[in-house]
């Protein structure tokens, strides 16, 4: 298990290094689960540098997201997760401030299979996200995001867990 987690960490660093050639950002997030476990997220983002459905209302675009999340534990030790996800973004038109909505489905690898009273069944999980926020001139971004983790029934235990978070992204 530790070997698999270390290999995933190395892969995440390599992916993060390779995506910094495009417009990249450093993401900080602070969230909470429904059981009041705090989550701290640190991630790298890389814009796709493509857009579709452009109009005077807005455009569809996206980015790659790679992140490390620490799940603060109560009586037990906390947990960690590494995640990677493509994220679609609808960015509304604006000059200095652009509202957006985002959705993505990716994968995550957890260091533990128990979070709070939830048995997530296995380390491998799917990461689903839905959020909204504001992008500012200069590449800064603030937003709110709901993220759900589940193994989609691959394991007989599949309690899943959600995190609701505020996030800030700064350009690199």
N, C-alpha and C. Protein backbone atom coordinates (compact mmCIF):
# COMPACT_ATOMS: atom_id res chain seq x y z
N UNK A 1 0.82 -1.19 0.00
CA UNK A 1 0.00 0.00 0.00
C UNK A 1 0.87 1.26 0.00
N UNK A 2 1.89 1.30 0.88
CA UNK A 2 2.76 2.47 0.94
C UNK A 2 3.53 2.63 -0.37
N UNK A 3 3.95 1.52 -0.95
CA UNK A 3 4.68 1.58 -2.22
C UNK A 3 3.78 2.17 -3.30
N UNK A 4 2.53 1.73 -3.36
CA UNK A 4 1.58 2.24 -4.35
C UNK A 4 1.36 3.74 -4.16
N UNK A 5 1.23 4.17 -2.90
CA UNK A 5 1.01 5.59 -2.61
C UNK A 5 2.24 6.40 -3.02
N UNK A 6 3.44 5.90 -2.75
CA UNK A 6 4.68 6.60 -3.16
C UNK A 6 4.78 6.69 -4.67
N UNK A 7 4.43 5.61 -5.37
CA UNK A 7 4.47 5.64 -6.83
C UNK A 7 3.48 6.67 -7.37
N UNK A 8 2.31 6.75 -6.77
CA UNK A 8 1.32 7.74 -7.21
C UNK A 8 1.82 9.15 -6.95
N UNK A 9 2.51 9.36 -5.83
CA UNK A 9 3.06 10.69 -5.52
C UNK A 9 4.11 11.09 -6.55
N UNK A 10 4.97 10.16 -6.92
CA UNK A 10 5.98 10.45 -7.94
C UNK A 10 5.33 10.76 -9.28
N UNK A 11 4.30 9.99 -9.64
CA UNK A 11 3.59 10.24 -10.90
C UNK A 11 2.93 11.62 -10.88
N UNK A 12 2.34 12.00 -9.75
CA UNK A 12 1.70 13.32 -9.66
C UNK A 12 2.71 14.44 -9.83
N UNK A 13 3.88 14.29 -9.23
CA UNK A 13 4.93 15.31 -9.38
C UNK A 13 5.38 15.40 -10.83
N UNK A 14 5.54 14.25 -11.49
CA UNK A 14 5.96 14.24 -12.89
C UNK A 14 4.91 14.89 -13.77
N UNK A 15 3.63 14.58 -13.54
CA UNK A 15 2.56 15.20 -14.30
C UNK A 15 2.56 16.70 -14.04
N UNK A 16 2.69 17.09 -12.79
CA UNK A 16 2.73 18.51 -12.45
C UNK A 16 3.87 19.22 -13.14
N UNK A 17 5.02 18.59 -13.21
CA UNK A 17 6.18 19.19 -13.88
C UNK A 17 5.93 19.32 -15.38
N UNK A 18 5.31 18.33 -15.98
CA UNK A 18 5.12 18.35 -17.42
C UNK A 18 4.04 19.33 -17.86
N UNK A 19 3.09 19.66 -16.98
CA UNK A 19 2.01 20.56 -17.39
C UNK A 19 2.35 22.02 -17.17
N UNK A 20 3.47 22.33 -16.56
CA UNK A 20 3.78 23.73 -16.29
C UNK A 20 4.19 24.49 -17.53
N UNK A 21 4.29 23.84 -18.69
CA UNK A 21 4.62 24.55 -19.91
C UNK A 21 3.42 25.33 -20.44
N UNK A 22 2.21 24.98 -20.04
CA UNK A 22 1.02 25.73 -20.41
C UNK A 22 0.69 26.67 -19.26
N UNK A 23 -0.38 27.48 -19.43
CA UNK A 23 -0.81 28.36 -18.34
C UNK A 23 -1.12 27.50 -17.13
N UNK A 24 -0.40 27.74 -16.05
CA UNK A 24 -0.51 26.88 -14.88
C UNK A 24 -0.88 27.70 -13.65
N UNK A 25 -1.46 27.02 -12.67
CA UNK A 25 -1.83 27.67 -11.43
C UNK A 25 -1.51 26.80 -10.23
N UNK A 26 -1.38 27.45 -9.09
CA UNK A 26 -1.18 26.78 -7.82
C UNK A 26 -2.46 26.98 -7.02
N UNK A 27 -3.08 25.87 -6.61
CA UNK A 27 -4.38 25.91 -5.95
C UNK A 27 -4.25 25.59 -4.47
N UNK A 28 -4.94 26.39 -3.65
CA UNK A 28 -5.04 26.16 -2.21
C UNK A 28 -6.52 26.00 -1.88
N UNK A 29 -6.87 24.99 -1.08
CA UNK A 29 -8.26 24.78 -0.72
C UNK A 29 -8.41 24.44 0.75
N UNK A 30 -9.51 24.89 1.33
CA UNK A 30 -9.86 24.57 2.71
C UNK A 30 -11.32 24.16 2.71
N UNK A 31 -11.59 22.95 3.21
CA UNK A 31 -12.95 22.45 3.18
C UNK A 31 -13.31 21.66 4.41
N UNK A 32 -14.52 21.10 4.35
CA UNK A 32 -15.04 20.29 5.45
C UNK A 32 -15.95 19.22 4.87
N UNK A 33 -15.98 18.07 5.54
CA UNK A 33 -16.90 17.01 5.16
C UNK A 33 -18.19 17.18 5.95
N UNK A 34 -19.19 16.35 5.65
CA UNK A 34 -20.44 16.40 6.39
C UNK A 34 -20.25 15.99 7.85
N UNK A 35 -19.16 15.27 8.15
CA UNK A 35 -18.83 14.88 9.52
C UNK A 35 -17.86 15.86 10.17
N UNK A 36 -17.69 17.03 9.56
CA UNK A 36 -16.85 18.13 10.08
C UNK A 36 -15.35 17.83 10.09
N UNK A 37 -14.91 16.91 9.28
CA UNK A 37 -13.47 16.70 9.11
C UNK A 37 -12.95 17.79 8.20
N UNK A 38 -11.89 18.47 8.62
CA UNK A 38 -11.30 19.52 7.78
C UNK A 38 -10.45 18.90 6.69
N UNK A 39 -10.48 19.51 5.50
CA UNK A 39 -9.65 19.08 4.38
C UNK A 39 -8.79 20.26 3.93
N UNK A 40 -7.53 19.95 3.64
CA UNK A 40 -6.58 20.95 3.16
C UNK A 40 -6.06 20.45 1.82
N UNK A 41 -6.21 21.25 0.79
CA UNK A 41 -5.85 20.81 -0.57
C UNK A 41 -4.78 21.72 -1.15
N UNK A 42 -3.78 21.11 -1.78
CA UNK A 42 -2.73 21.83 -2.49
C UNK A 42 -2.62 21.18 -3.86
N UNK A 43 -2.78 21.98 -4.91
CA UNK A 43 -2.79 21.39 -6.24
C UNK A 43 -2.13 22.23 -7.31
N UNK A 44 -1.92 21.60 -8.44
CA UNK A 44 -1.44 22.27 -9.65
C UNK A 44 -2.52 22.15 -10.71
N UNK A 45 -2.72 23.23 -11.47
CA UNK A 45 -3.66 23.21 -12.57
C UNK A 45 -2.93 23.60 -13.85
N UNK A 46 -3.44 23.11 -14.97
CA UNK A 46 -2.89 23.46 -16.27
C UNK A 46 -4.03 23.65 -17.26
N UNK A 47 -4.18 24.86 -17.77
CA UNK A 47 -5.25 25.15 -18.73
C UNK A 47 -5.05 24.35 -20.00
N UNK A 48 -6.17 23.96 -20.62
CA UNK A 48 -6.10 23.21 -21.87
C UNK A 48 -5.71 24.10 -23.04
N UNK A 49 -5.85 25.40 -22.88
CA UNK A 49 -5.53 26.35 -23.95
C UNK A 49 -6.39 26.08 -25.19
N UNK A 50 -7.62 25.63 -24.96
CA UNK A 50 -8.59 25.40 -26.02
C UNK A 50 -9.94 25.89 -25.51
N UNK A 51 -10.80 26.30 -26.43
CA UNK A 51 -12.16 26.66 -26.02
C UNK A 51 -13.14 26.29 -27.12
N UNK A 52 -14.36 26.05 -26.72
CA UNK A 52 -15.44 25.65 -27.61
C UNK A 52 -16.66 26.49 -27.28
N UNK A 53 -17.62 26.48 -28.19
CA UNK A 53 -18.92 27.16 -27.99
C UNK A 53 -18.73 28.62 -27.57
N UNK A 54 -17.81 29.31 -28.21
CA UNK A 54 -17.57 30.72 -27.88
C UNK A 54 -18.72 31.57 -28.39
N UNK A 55 -19.19 32.47 -27.54
CA UNK A 55 -20.24 33.41 -27.92
C UNK A 55 -20.08 34.66 -27.07
N UNK A 56 -20.99 35.61 -27.24
CA UNK A 56 -20.92 36.81 -26.40
C UNK A 56 -21.35 36.51 -24.97
N UNK A 57 -21.88 35.32 -24.71
CA UNK A 57 -22.26 34.92 -23.35
C UNK A 57 -21.06 34.33 -22.60
N UNK A 58 -20.23 33.56 -23.30
CA UNK A 58 -19.08 32.93 -22.66
C UNK A 58 -18.47 31.87 -23.54
N UNK A 59 -17.75 30.94 -22.90
CA UNK A 59 -17.08 29.88 -23.65
C UNK A 59 -16.87 28.66 -22.76
N UNK A 60 -16.75 27.50 -23.40
CA UNK A 60 -16.43 26.25 -22.71
C UNK A 60 -14.93 26.02 -22.84
N UNK A 61 -14.28 25.75 -21.74
CA UNK A 61 -12.84 25.48 -21.73
C UNK A 61 -12.57 24.43 -20.66
N UNK A 62 -11.35 24.31 -20.21
CA UNK A 62 -11.07 23.33 -19.17
C UNK A 62 -9.62 23.37 -18.73
N UNK A 63 -9.32 22.49 -17.78
CA UNK A 63 -7.95 22.40 -17.25
C UNK A 63 -7.73 21.02 -16.65
N UNK A 64 -6.46 20.68 -16.48
CA UNK A 64 -6.06 19.48 -15.76
C UNK A 64 -5.80 19.87 -14.31
N UNK A 65 -6.19 19.01 -13.40
CA UNK A 65 -5.98 19.28 -11.97
C UNK A 65 -5.30 18.08 -11.33
N UNK A 66 -4.18 18.34 -10.67
CA UNK A 66 -3.50 17.33 -9.88
C UNK A 66 -3.36 17.88 -8.47
N UNK A 67 -3.73 17.11 -7.44
CA UNK A 67 -3.74 17.68 -6.09
C UNK A 67 -3.41 16.65 -5.02
N UNK A 68 -2.92 17.18 -3.91
CA UNK A 68 -2.72 16.44 -2.66
C UNK A 68 -3.72 17.02 -1.67
N UNK A 69 -4.48 16.16 -1.00
CA UNK A 69 -5.43 16.60 0.02
C UNK A 69 -5.11 15.89 1.33
N UNK A 70 -5.08 16.65 2.41
CA UNK A 70 -4.93 16.08 3.75
C UNK A 70 -6.28 16.13 4.43
N UNK A 71 -6.74 15.00 4.95
CA UNK A 71 -8.01 14.87 5.65
C UNK A 71 -7.69 14.77 7.14
N UNK A 72 -7.98 15.81 7.89
CA UNK A 72 -7.63 15.86 9.31
C UNK A 72 -8.49 14.87 10.09
N UNK A 73 -7.84 14.02 10.90
CA UNK A 73 -8.57 13.02 11.66
C UNK A 73 -8.96 13.50 13.04
N UNK A 74 -9.97 12.86 13.63
CA UNK A 74 -10.39 13.16 15.00
C UNK A 74 -9.52 12.37 15.97
N UNK A 75 -10.02 11.21 16.38
CA UNK A 75 -9.29 10.36 17.32
C UNK A 75 -8.18 9.58 16.62
N UNK A 76 -8.37 9.31 15.34
CA UNK A 76 -7.39 8.53 14.58
C UNK A 76 -6.47 9.46 13.80
N UNK A 77 -5.48 8.89 13.21
CA UNK A 77 -4.59 9.67 12.34
C UNK A 77 -5.36 10.15 11.12
N UNK A 78 -4.94 11.25 10.57
CA UNK A 78 -5.57 11.77 9.37
C UNK A 78 -5.24 10.90 8.17
N UNK A 79 -5.82 11.26 7.05
CA UNK A 79 -5.58 10.55 5.80
C UNK A 79 -5.09 11.53 4.75
N UNK A 80 -4.50 10.98 3.71
CA UNK A 80 -4.04 11.79 2.58
C UNK A 80 -4.61 11.20 1.30
N UNK A 81 -4.76 12.05 0.30
CA UNK A 81 -5.16 11.55 -1.01
C UNK A 81 -4.45 12.34 -2.10
N UNK A 82 -4.19 11.64 -3.20
CA UNK A 82 -3.67 12.25 -4.41
C UNK A 82 -4.74 12.10 -5.48
N UNK A 83 -4.98 13.15 -6.24
CA UNK A 83 -6.02 13.08 -7.25
C UNK A 83 -5.57 13.71 -8.56
N UNK A 84 -6.19 13.27 -9.63
CA UNK A 84 -5.93 13.81 -10.96
C UNK A 84 -7.25 13.82 -11.71
N UNK A 85 -7.56 14.96 -12.35
CA UNK A 85 -8.86 15.08 -12.99
C UNK A 85 -8.84 16.07 -14.15
N UNK A 86 -9.51 15.73 -15.25
CA UNK A 86 -9.83 16.75 -16.24
C UNK A 86 -11.07 17.50 -15.75
N UNK A 87 -11.09 18.80 -15.94
CA UNK A 87 -12.20 19.62 -15.45
C UNK A 87 -12.71 20.50 -16.58
N UNK A 88 -14.01 20.42 -16.88
CA UNK A 88 -14.63 21.30 -17.86
C UNK A 88 -15.13 22.55 -17.16
N UNK A 89 -14.94 23.70 -17.80
CA UNK A 89 -15.31 24.99 -17.22
C UNK A 89 -16.12 25.78 -18.24
N UNK A 90 -17.30 26.27 -17.81
CA UNK A 90 -18.00 27.27 -18.64
C UNK A 90 -17.72 28.62 -18.01
N UNK A 91 -16.99 29.43 -18.75
CA UNK A 91 -16.56 30.75 -18.28
C UNK A 91 -17.45 31.80 -18.95
N UNK A 92 -18.17 32.56 -18.13
CA UNK A 92 -19.04 33.60 -18.66
C UNK A 92 -18.20 34.81 -19.06
N UNK A 93 -18.68 35.53 -20.07
CA UNK A 93 -17.94 36.69 -20.58
C UNK A 93 -17.81 37.76 -19.50
N UNK A 94 -16.72 38.48 -19.55
CA UNK A 94 -16.47 39.58 -18.63
C UNK A 94 -15.13 40.19 -18.94
N UNK A 95 -14.93 41.41 -18.48
CA UNK A 95 -13.65 42.08 -18.76
C UNK A 95 -12.63 41.75 -17.68
N UNK A 96 -12.83 42.25 -16.47
CA UNK A 96 -11.84 42.01 -15.42
C UNK A 96 -12.26 40.88 -14.47
N UNK A 97 -13.54 40.53 -14.46
CA UNK A 97 -14.04 39.43 -13.63
C UNK A 97 -14.92 38.53 -14.49
N UNK A 98 -14.63 37.22 -14.46
CA UNK A 98 -15.39 36.26 -15.25
C UNK A 98 -15.96 35.18 -14.33
N UNK A 99 -17.27 35.15 -14.12
CA UNK A 99 -17.86 34.06 -13.35
C UNK A 99 -17.74 32.75 -14.14
N UNK A 100 -17.69 31.63 -13.43
CA UNK A 100 -17.60 30.33 -14.10
C UNK A 100 -18.30 29.26 -13.29
N UNK A 101 -18.63 28.17 -13.99
CA UNK A 101 -19.08 26.93 -13.35
C UNK A 101 -18.16 25.83 -13.87
N UNK A 102 -17.92 24.81 -13.03
CA UNK A 102 -17.01 23.74 -13.43
C UNK A 102 -17.55 22.38 -13.01
N UNK A 103 -17.15 21.36 -13.76
CA UNK A 103 -17.50 19.98 -13.44
C UNK A 103 -16.39 19.07 -13.96
N UNK A 104 -16.09 18.03 -13.18
CA UNK A 104 -15.05 17.10 -13.61
C UNK A 104 -15.19 15.75 -12.93
N UNK A 105 -14.66 14.75 -13.59
CA UNK A 105 -14.60 13.40 -13.02
C UNK A 105 -13.18 12.89 -13.22
N UNK A 106 -12.54 12.52 -12.12
CA UNK A 106 -11.17 12.04 -12.18
C UNK A 106 -10.97 10.86 -11.26
N UNK A 107 -9.73 10.64 -10.86
CA UNK A 107 -9.38 9.52 -9.99
C UNK A 107 -8.59 10.03 -8.79
N UNK A 108 -8.65 9.26 -7.72
CA UNK A 108 -7.91 9.61 -6.49
C UNK A 108 -7.40 8.33 -5.85
N UNK A 109 -6.33 8.49 -5.10
CA UNK A 109 -5.74 7.38 -4.35
C UNK A 109 -5.60 7.83 -2.90
N UNK A 110 -6.24 7.10 -1.98
CA UNK A 110 -6.25 7.45 -0.56
C UNK A 110 -5.24 6.61 0.21
N UNK A 111 -4.69 7.20 1.28
CA UNK A 111 -3.74 6.49 2.13
C UNK A 111 -4.44 5.55 3.11
N UNK A 112 -5.74 5.76 3.34
CA UNK A 112 -6.52 4.93 4.27
C UNK A 112 -7.86 4.60 3.63
N UNK A 113 -8.49 3.54 4.10
CA UNK A 113 -9.81 3.19 3.58
C UNK A 113 -10.93 3.56 4.55
N UNK A 114 -10.57 4.13 5.69
CA UNK A 114 -11.58 4.63 6.63
C UNK A 114 -11.36 6.11 6.85
N UNK A 115 -12.41 6.88 6.62
CA UNK A 115 -12.42 8.32 6.88
C UNK A 115 -13.61 8.58 7.79
N UNK A 116 -13.34 9.10 8.97
CA UNK A 116 -14.38 9.29 9.98
C UNK A 116 -15.05 7.94 10.23
N UNK A 117 -16.36 7.88 10.08
CA UNK A 117 -17.08 6.62 10.24
C UNK A 117 -17.35 5.96 8.89
N UNK A 118 -16.77 6.49 7.83
CA UNK A 118 -17.01 5.97 6.49
C UNK A 118 -15.96 4.95 6.09
N UNK A 119 -16.43 3.82 5.59
CA UNK A 119 -15.54 2.81 5.02
C UNK A 119 -15.61 2.97 3.51
N UNK A 120 -14.56 3.55 2.92
CA UNK A 120 -14.59 3.80 1.48
C UNK A 120 -14.17 2.58 0.67
N UNK A 121 -13.85 1.48 1.35
CA UNK A 121 -13.66 0.19 0.70
C UNK A 121 -12.29 -0.10 0.14
N UNK A 122 -11.68 0.86 -0.50
CA UNK A 122 -10.36 0.65 -1.11
C UNK A 122 -9.69 2.00 -1.31
N UNK A 123 -8.41 1.97 -1.59
CA UNK A 123 -7.66 3.22 -1.78
C UNK A 123 -8.05 3.95 -3.06
N UNK A 124 -8.30 3.20 -4.14
CA UNK A 124 -8.67 3.82 -5.42
C UNK A 124 -10.10 4.34 -5.36
N UNK A 125 -10.29 5.59 -5.72
CA UNK A 125 -11.61 6.21 -5.72
C UNK A 125 -11.78 7.05 -6.98
N UNK A 126 -13.02 7.31 -7.34
CA UNK A 126 -13.32 8.29 -8.38
C UNK A 126 -13.60 9.62 -7.68
N UNK A 127 -13.20 10.70 -8.32
CA UNK A 127 -13.40 12.05 -7.77
C UNK A 127 -14.34 12.81 -8.70
N UNK A 128 -15.52 13.17 -8.20
CA UNK A 128 -16.48 13.97 -8.96
C UNK A 128 -16.53 15.35 -8.34
N UNK A 129 -16.51 16.38 -9.16
CA UNK A 129 -16.54 17.74 -8.61
C UNK A 129 -17.53 18.61 -9.36
N UNK A 130 -18.08 19.56 -8.63
CA UNK A 130 -18.98 20.57 -9.18
C UNK A 130 -18.70 21.85 -8.41
N UNK A 131 -18.48 22.95 -9.12
CA UNK A 131 -18.15 24.19 -8.43
C UNK A 131 -18.50 25.42 -9.23
N UNK A 132 -18.31 26.56 -8.60
CA UNK A 132 -18.48 27.84 -9.27
C UNK A 132 -17.56 28.85 -8.62
N UNK A 133 -17.30 29.93 -9.33
CA UNK A 133 -16.40 30.93 -8.78
C UNK A 133 -16.19 32.10 -9.71
N UNK A 134 -15.12 32.84 -9.45
CA UNK A 134 -14.78 34.04 -10.21
C UNK A 134 -13.32 33.97 -10.63
N UNK A 135 -13.06 34.30 -11.90
CA UNK A 135 -11.69 34.44 -12.41
C UNK A 135 -11.42 35.92 -12.61
N UNK A 136 -10.27 36.36 -12.14
CA UNK A 136 -9.91 37.77 -12.21
C UNK A 136 -8.81 37.98 -13.24
N UNK A 137 -8.72 39.23 -13.73
CA UNK A 137 -7.64 39.58 -14.64
C UNK A 137 -6.32 39.26 -13.95
N UNK A 138 -5.38 38.74 -14.67
CA UNK A 138 -4.11 38.36 -14.07
C UNK A 138 -4.05 36.90 -13.69
N UNK A 139 -5.18 36.17 -13.82
CA UNK A 139 -5.16 34.73 -13.59
C UNK A 139 -5.54 34.25 -12.21
N UNK A 140 -5.87 35.14 -11.28
CA UNK A 140 -6.28 34.71 -9.94
C UNK A 140 -7.72 34.21 -9.99
N UNK A 141 -8.05 33.29 -9.08
CA UNK A 141 -9.37 32.67 -9.09
C UNK A 141 -9.79 32.33 -7.66
N UNK A 142 -11.06 32.54 -7.34
CA UNK A 142 -11.64 32.09 -6.07
C UNK A 142 -12.93 31.36 -6.39
N UNK A 143 -13.25 30.34 -5.58
CA UNK A 143 -14.46 29.59 -5.86
C UNK A 143 -14.87 28.68 -4.72
N UNK A 144 -16.01 28.05 -4.93
CA UNK A 144 -16.58 27.08 -3.99
C UNK A 144 -16.78 25.79 -4.77
N UNK A 145 -16.44 24.67 -4.13
CA UNK A 145 -16.49 23.39 -4.84
C UNK A 145 -17.02 22.29 -3.93
N UNK A 146 -17.86 21.43 -4.49
CA UNK A 146 -18.27 20.20 -3.82
C UNK A 146 -17.57 19.05 -4.54
N UNK A 147 -16.91 18.18 -3.77
CA UNK A 147 -16.19 17.06 -4.35
C UNK A 147 -16.66 15.78 -3.68
N UNK A 148 -17.02 14.78 -4.48
CA UNK A 148 -17.49 13.50 -3.97
C UNK A 148 -16.49 12.41 -4.37
N UNK A 149 -16.15 11.56 -3.43
CA UNK A 149 -15.25 10.43 -3.68
C UNK A 149 -16.02 9.13 -3.47
N UNK A 150 -15.90 8.21 -4.42
CA UNK A 150 -16.59 6.93 -4.35
C UNK A 150 -15.82 5.93 -5.21
N UNK A 151 -15.93 4.64 -4.86
CA UNK A 151 -15.28 3.63 -5.69
C UNK A 151 -16.25 3.06 -6.73
N UNK A 152 -17.44 3.64 -6.84
CA UNK A 152 -18.44 3.26 -7.86
C UNK A 152 -18.84 1.79 -7.77
N UNK A 153 -18.80 1.22 -6.56
CA UNK A 153 -19.22 -0.15 -6.37
C UNK A 153 -18.17 -1.20 -6.71
N UNK A 154 -16.94 -0.78 -7.00
CA UNK A 154 -15.87 -1.75 -7.28
C UNK A 154 -15.61 -2.60 -6.04
N UNK A 155 -15.71 -1.98 -4.87
CA UNK A 155 -15.56 -2.69 -3.60
C UNK A 155 -16.93 -2.86 -2.97
N UNK A 156 -17.10 -3.90 -2.16
CA UNK A 156 -18.40 -4.10 -1.50
C UNK A 156 -18.68 -2.98 -0.50
N UNK A 157 -17.64 -2.38 0.08
CA UNK A 157 -17.82 -1.20 0.92
C UNK A 157 -17.64 0.03 0.05
N UNK A 158 -18.64 0.91 0.08
CA UNK A 158 -18.61 2.08 -0.80
C UNK A 158 -19.37 3.22 -0.14
N UNK A 159 -18.99 3.57 1.11
CA UNK A 159 -19.70 4.66 1.79
C UNK A 159 -19.52 5.99 1.06
N UNK A 160 -18.37 6.22 0.47
CA UNK A 160 -18.10 7.49 -0.19
C UNK A 160 -17.96 8.61 0.83
N UNK A 161 -17.44 9.73 0.38
CA UNK A 161 -17.26 10.89 1.25
C UNK A 161 -17.27 12.15 0.38
N UNK A 162 -17.78 13.23 0.93
CA UNK A 162 -17.83 14.51 0.24
C UNK A 162 -17.02 15.54 1.00
N UNK A 163 -16.48 16.50 0.25
CA UNK A 163 -15.81 17.66 0.84
C UNK A 163 -16.39 18.90 0.17
N UNK A 164 -16.70 19.90 0.97
CA UNK A 164 -17.21 21.18 0.48
C UNK A 164 -16.15 22.21 0.82
N UNK A 165 -15.61 22.88 -0.21
CA UNK A 165 -14.40 23.67 0.03
C UNK A 165 -14.43 25.02 -0.67
N UNK A 166 -13.71 25.95 -0.06
CA UNK A 166 -13.35 27.22 -0.69
C UNK A 166 -11.97 27.03 -1.28
N UNK A 167 -11.73 27.61 -2.46
CA UNK A 167 -10.39 27.48 -3.03
C UNK A 167 -9.94 28.78 -3.67
N UNK A 168 -8.64 28.92 -3.72
CA UNK A 168 -7.99 30.07 -4.36
C UNK A 168 -6.89 29.52 -5.26
N UNK A 169 -6.84 30.02 -6.49
CA UNK A 169 -5.79 29.62 -7.42
C UNK A 169 -5.03 30.85 -7.86
N UNK A 170 -3.71 30.75 -7.80
CA UNK A 170 -2.86 31.86 -8.26
C UNK A 170 -2.05 31.38 -9.46
N UNK A 171 -1.75 32.29 -10.39
CA UNK A 171 -0.97 31.88 -11.56
C UNK A 171 0.48 31.59 -11.19
N UNK A 172 1.09 30.67 -11.91
CA UNK A 172 2.51 30.37 -11.72
C UNK A 172 3.33 31.07 -12.79
